[in-house]
Each structure stands twice: as C-alpha cells, then as structure tokens.
Amino acid sequence: MDVRIMVETTFEDGETRTRDIGHIHRSHDEVEPENLGLCLEEAKTLLNQ
C-alpha cells in the first residue's frame, strides 16, 4: 500500500494549492486499521525531508 501525504491550501480568493509532503509504503500484510496513521519514526523522516 502506498500512502501519499499532501497539504491542500485554499485561499480567500478561491485559489487552491496542493503540496506533496511525502509518501510511505507498507506491505499488504501491514494494512490493518491500527496501522493507517503515521508512526513517530515515519513522521520524523518526513519532517527531515
């Protein structure tokens, strides 16, 4: 499973900008409801990028 993390900003004039922050990959055996969020290590890696 590939997860894309994006930030979408809508300005007062209606303009919308999307920024791709990063992505993570999880194997199909990790796809469980408790694994859908980011773990601390994944978040730290994304912040460092």
PDB file of N, CA and C in Angstrom:
ATOM      1  N   MET A   1       0.853  -1.166   0.000  1.00  0.00           N
ATOM      2  CA  MET A   1       0.000   0.000   0.000  1.00  0.00           C
ATOM      3  C   MET A   1       0.899   1.228   0.000  1.00  0.00           C
ATOM      4  N   ASP A   2       0.610   2.165  -0.876  1.00  0.00           N
ATOM      5  CA  ASP A   2       1.315   3.444  -0.909  1.00  0.00           C
ATOM      6  C   ASP A   2       0.394   4.520  -0.351  1.00  0.00           C
ATOM      7  N   VAL A   3       0.946   5.338   0.527  1.00  0.00           N
ATOM      8  CA  VAL A   3       0.194   6.433   1.141  1.00  0.00           C
ATOM      9  C   VAL A   3       0.884   7.728   0.766  1.00  0.00           C
ATOM     10  N   ARG A   4       0.126   8.649   0.170  1.00  0.00           N
ATOM     11  CA  ARG A   4       0.640   9.974  -0.160  1.00  0.00           C
ATOM     12  C   ARG A   4       0.149  10.963   0.885  1.00  0.00           C
ATOM     13  N   ILE A   5       1.053  11.797   1.365  1.00  0.00           N
ATOM     14  CA  ILE A   5       0.704  12.820   2.341  1.00  0.00           C
ATOM     15  C   ILE A   5       0.799  14.167   1.638  1.00  0.00           C
ATOM     16  N   MET A   6      -0.349  14.858   1.601  1.00  0.00           N
ATOM     17  CA  MET A   6      -0.434  16.117   0.884  1.00  0.00           C
ATOM     18  C   MET A   6      -1.092  17.176   1.768  1.00  0.00           C
ATOM     19  N   VAL A   7      -0.730  18.429   1.508  1.00  0.00           N
ATOM     20  CA  VAL A   7      -1.370  19.557   2.174  1.00  0.00           C
ATOM     21  C   VAL A   7      -2.058  20.378   1.098  1.00  0.00           C
ATOM     22  N   GLU A   8      -3.336  20.622   1.279  1.00  0.00           N
ATOM     23  CA  GLU A   8      -4.093  21.434   0.324  1.00  0.00           C
ATOM     24  C   GLU A   8      -4.520  22.713   1.029  1.00  0.00           C
ATOM     25  N   THR A   9      -4.168  23.845   0.430  1.00  0.00           N
ATOM     26  CA  THR A   9      -4.488  25.156   0.995  1.00  0.00           C
ATOM     27  C   THR A   9      -5.435  25.880   0.056  1.00  0.00           C
ATOM     28  N   THR A  10      -6.546  26.383   0.596  1.00  0.00           N
ATOM     29  CA  THR A  10      -7.484  27.185  -0.183  1.00  0.00           C
ATOM     30  C   THR A  10      -7.451  28.604   0.349  1.00  0.00           C
ATOM     31  N   PHE A  11      -7.175  29.545  -0.529  1.00  0.00           N
ATOM     32  CA  PHE A  11      -7.054  30.943  -0.153  1.00  0.00           C
ATOM     33  C   PHE A  11      -8.405  31.645  -0.260  1.00  0.00           C
ATOM     34  N   GLU A  12      -8.474  32.838   0.284  1.00  0.00           N
ATOM     35  CA  GLU A  12      -9.727  33.596   0.311  1.00  0.00           C
ATOM     36  C   GLU A  12     -10.288  33.870  -1.086  1.00  0.00           C
ATOM     37  N   ASP A  13      -9.396  33.985  -2.076  1.00  0.00           N
ATOM     38  CA  ASP A  13      -9.865  34.257  -3.444  1.00  0.00           C
ATOM     39  C   ASP A  13     -10.309  32.985  -4.178  1.00  0.00           C
ATOM     40  N   GLY A  14     -10.283  31.849  -3.479  1.00  0.00           N
ATOM     41  CA  GLY A  14     -10.731  30.589  -4.059  1.00  0.00           C
ATOM     42  C   GLY A  14      -9.627  29.751  -4.677  1.00  0.00           C
ATOM     43  N   GLU A  15      -8.436  30.325  -4.783  1.00  0.00           N
ATOM     44  CA  GLU A  15      -7.310  29.570  -5.341  1.00  0.00           C
ATOM     45  C   GLU A  15      -6.928  28.433  -4.389  1.00  0.00           C
ATOM     46  N   THR A  16      -6.680  27.267  -4.963  1.00  0.00           N
ATOM     47  CA  THR A  16      -6.282  26.112  -4.174  1.00  0.00           C
ATOM     48  C   THR A  16      -4.906  25.655  -4.628  1.00  0.00           C
ATOM     49  N   ARG A  17      -4.016  25.442  -3.680  1.00  0.00           N
ATOM     50  CA  ARG A  17      -2.671  24.923  -3.968  1.00  0.00           C
ATOM     51  C   ARG A  17      -2.482  23.634  -3.184  1.00  0.00           C
ATOM     52  N   THR A  18      -1.871  22.672  -3.841  1.00  0.00           N
ATOM     53  CA  THR A  18      -1.607  21.380  -3.217  1.00  0.00           C
ATOM     54  C   THR A  18      -0.108  21.139  -3.204  1.00  0.00           C
ATOM     55  N   ARG A  19       0.396  20.712  -2.061  1.00  0.00           N
ATOM     56  CA  ARG A  19       1.816  20.416  -1.929  1.00  0.00           C
ATOM     57  C   ARG A  19       1.976  18.981  -1.473  1.00  0.00           C
ATOM     58  N   ASP A  20       2.778  18.235  -2.201  1.00  0.00           N
ATOM     59  CA  ASP A  20       3.062  16.857  -1.851  1.00  0.00           C
ATOM     60  C   ASP A  20       4.154  16.854  -0.781  1.00  0.00           C
ATOM     61  N   ILE A  21       3.830  16.344   0.390  1.00  0.00           N
ATOM     62  CA  ILE A  21       4.770  16.340   1.509  1.00  0.00           C
ATOM     63  C   ILE A  21       5.664  15.108   1.473  1.00  0.00           C
ATOM     64  N   GLY A  22       5.101  13.975   1.117  1.00  0.00           N
ATOM     65  CA  GLY A  22       5.887  12.753   1.062  1.00  0.00           C
ATOM     66  C   GLY A  22       5.006  11.543   0.865  1.00  0.00           C
ATOM     67  N   HIS A  23       5.620  10.387   0.946  1.00  0.00           N
ATOM     68  CA  HIS A  23       4.852   9.163   0.823  1.00  0.00           C
ATOM     69  C   HIS A  23       5.507   8.063   1.652  1.00  0.00           C
ATOM     70  N   ILE A  24       4.705   7.098   2.013  1.00  0.00           N
ATOM     71  CA  ILE A  24       5.207   5.926   2.724  1.00  0.00           C
ATOM     72  C   ILE A  24       4.653   4.690   2.032  1.00  0.00           C
ATOM     73  N   HIS A  25       5.372   3.618   2.166  1.00  0.00           N
ATOM     74  CA  HIS A  25       4.939   2.347   1.576  1.00  0.00           C
ATOM     75  C   HIS A  25       4.822   1.318   2.693  1.00  0.00           C
ATOM     76  N   ARG A  26       3.738   0.591   2.656  1.00  0.00           N
ATOM     77  CA  ARG A  26       3.528  -0.503   3.609  1.00  0.00           C
ATOM     78  C   ARG A  26       3.169  -1.752   2.825  1.00  0.00           C
ATOM     79  N   SER A  27       3.654  -2.879   3.280  1.00  0.00           N
ATOM     80  CA  SER A  27       3.322  -4.136   2.613  1.00  0.00           C
ATOM     81  C   SER A  27       1.869  -4.490   2.882  1.00  0.00           C
ATOM     82  N   HIS A  28       1.312  -5.345   2.051  1.00  0.00           N
ATOM     83  CA  HIS A  28      -0.114  -5.683   2.163  1.00  0.00           C
ATOM     84  C   HIS A  28      -0.460  -6.353   3.491  1.00  0.00           C
ATOM     85  N   ASP A  29       0.492  -6.996   4.145  1.00  0.00           N
ATOM     86  CA  ASP A  29       0.188  -7.631   5.430  1.00  0.00           C
ATOM     87  C   ASP A  29       0.165  -6.625   6.587  1.00  0.00           C
ATOM     88  N   GLU A  30       0.585  -5.382   6.329  1.00  0.00           N
ATOM     89  CA  GLU A  30       0.536  -4.329   7.348  1.00  0.00           C
ATOM     90  C   GLU A  30      -0.736  -3.491   7.277  1.00  0.00           C
ATOM     91  N   VAL A  31      -1.612  -3.789   6.335  1.00  0.00           N
ATOM     92  CA  VAL A  31      -2.822  -2.985   6.140  1.00  0.00           C
ATOM     93  C   VAL A  31      -3.879  -3.417   7.152  1.00  0.00           C
ATOM     94  N   GLU A  32      -3.837  -2.788   8.287  1.00  0.00           N
ATOM     95  CA  GLU A  32      -4.786  -3.000   9.381  1.00  0.00           C
ATOM     96  C   GLU A  32      -5.230  -1.622   9.865  1.00  0.00           C
ATOM     97  N   PRO A  33      -6.420  -1.504  10.433  1.00  0.00           N
ATOM     98  CA  PRO A  33      -6.888  -0.185  10.892  1.00  0.00           C
ATOM     99  C   PRO A  33      -5.910   0.511  11.840  1.00  0.00           C
ATOM    100  N   GLU A  34      -5.237  -0.231  12.690  1.00  0.00           N
ATOM    101  CA  GLU A  34      -4.314   0.395  13.643  1.00  0.00           C
ATOM    102  C   GLU A  34      -3.018   0.867  12.983  1.00  0.00           C
ATOM    103  N   ASN A  35      -2.781   0.495  11.717  1.00  0.00           N
ATOM    104  CA  ASN A  35      -1.569   0.901  11.007  1.00  0.00           C
ATOM    105  C   ASN A  35      -1.805   2.007   9.987  1.00  0.00           C
ATOM    106  N   LEU A  36      -2.989   2.589   9.940  1.00  0.00           N
ATOM    107  CA  LEU A  36      -3.278   3.581   8.908  1.00  0.00           C
ATOM    108  C   LEU A  36      -2.663   4.945   9.188  1.00  0.00           C
ATOM    109  N   GLY A  37      -2.390   5.284  10.413  1.00  0.00           N
ATOM    110  CA  GLY A  37      -1.770   6.564  10.731  1.00  0.00           C
ATOM    111  C   GLY A  37      -0.263   6.498  10.599  1.00  0.00           C
ATOM    112  N   LEU A  38       0.390   7.600  10.888  1.00  0.00           N
ATOM    113  CA  LEU A  38       1.848   7.637  10.862  1.00  0.00           C
ATOM    114  C   LEU A  38       2.407   7.235  12.211  1.00  0.00           C
ATOM    115  N   CYS A  39       3.475   6.468  12.191  1.00  0.00           N
ATOM    116  CA  CYS A  39       4.185   6.212  13.442  1.00  0.00           C
ATOM    117  C   CYS A  39       5.195   7.356  13.626  1.00  0.00           C
ATOM    118  N   LEU A  40       5.752   7.462  14.795  1.00  0.00           N
ATOM    119  CA  LEU A  40       6.655   8.562  15.111  1.00  0.00           C
ATOM    120  C   LEU A  40       7.869   8.576  14.191  1.00  0.00           C
ATOM    121  N   GLU A  41       8.434   7.431  13.913  1.00  0.00           N
ATOM    122  CA  GLU A  41       9.617   7.365  13.040  1.00  0.00           C
ATOM    123  C   GLU A  41       9.292   7.826  11.621  1.00  0.00           C
ATOM    124  N   GLU A  42       8.129   7.454  11.098  1.00  0.00           N
ATOM    125  CA  GLU A  42       7.726   7.893   9.762  1.00  0.00           C
ATOM    126  C   GLU A  42       7.547   9.408   9.734  1.00  0.00           C
ATOM    127  N   ALA A  43       6.929   9.958  10.762  1.00  0.00           N
ATOM    128  CA  ALA A  43       6.723  11.407  10.839  1.00  0.00           C
ATOM    129  C   ALA A  43       8.047  12.152  10.909  1.00  0.00           C
ATOM    130  N   LYS A  44       8.994  11.648  11.687  1.00  0.00           N
ATOM    131  CA  LYS A  44      10.309  12.287  11.787  1.00  0.00           C
ATOM    132  C   LYS A  44      11.031  12.267  10.439  1.00  0.00           C
ATOM    133  N   THR A  45      10.945  11.161   9.735  1.00  0.00           N
ATOM    134  CA  THR A  45      11.576  11.056   8.416  1.00  0.00           C
ATOM    135  C   THR A  45      10.975  12.056   7.442  1.00  0.00           C
ATOM    136  N   LEU A  46       9.659  12.179   7.446  1.00  0.00           N
ATOM    137  CA  LEU A  46       9.002  13.137   6.556  1.00  0.00           C
ATOM    138  C   LEU A  46       9.391  14.565   6.902  1.00  0.00           C
ATOM    139  N   LEU A  47       9.483  14.882   8.181  1.00  0.00           N
ATOM    140  CA  LEU A  47       9.864  16.236   8.587  1.00  0.00           C
ATOM    141  C   LEU A  47      11.291  16.570   8.166  1.00  0.00           C
ATOM    142  N   ASN A  48      12.173  15.585   8.201  1.00  0.00           N
ATOM    143  CA  ASN A  48      13.563  15.825   7.812  1.00  0.00           C
ATOM    144  C   ASN A  48      13.731  16.011   6.310  1.00  0.00           C
ATOM    145  N   GLN A  49      12.781  15.523   5.534  1.00  0.00           N
ATOM    146  CA  GLN A  49      12.872  15.683   4.091  1.00  0.00           C
ATOM    147  C   GLN A  49      12.501  17.096   3.723  1.00  0.00           C
TER     148      GLN A  49
END
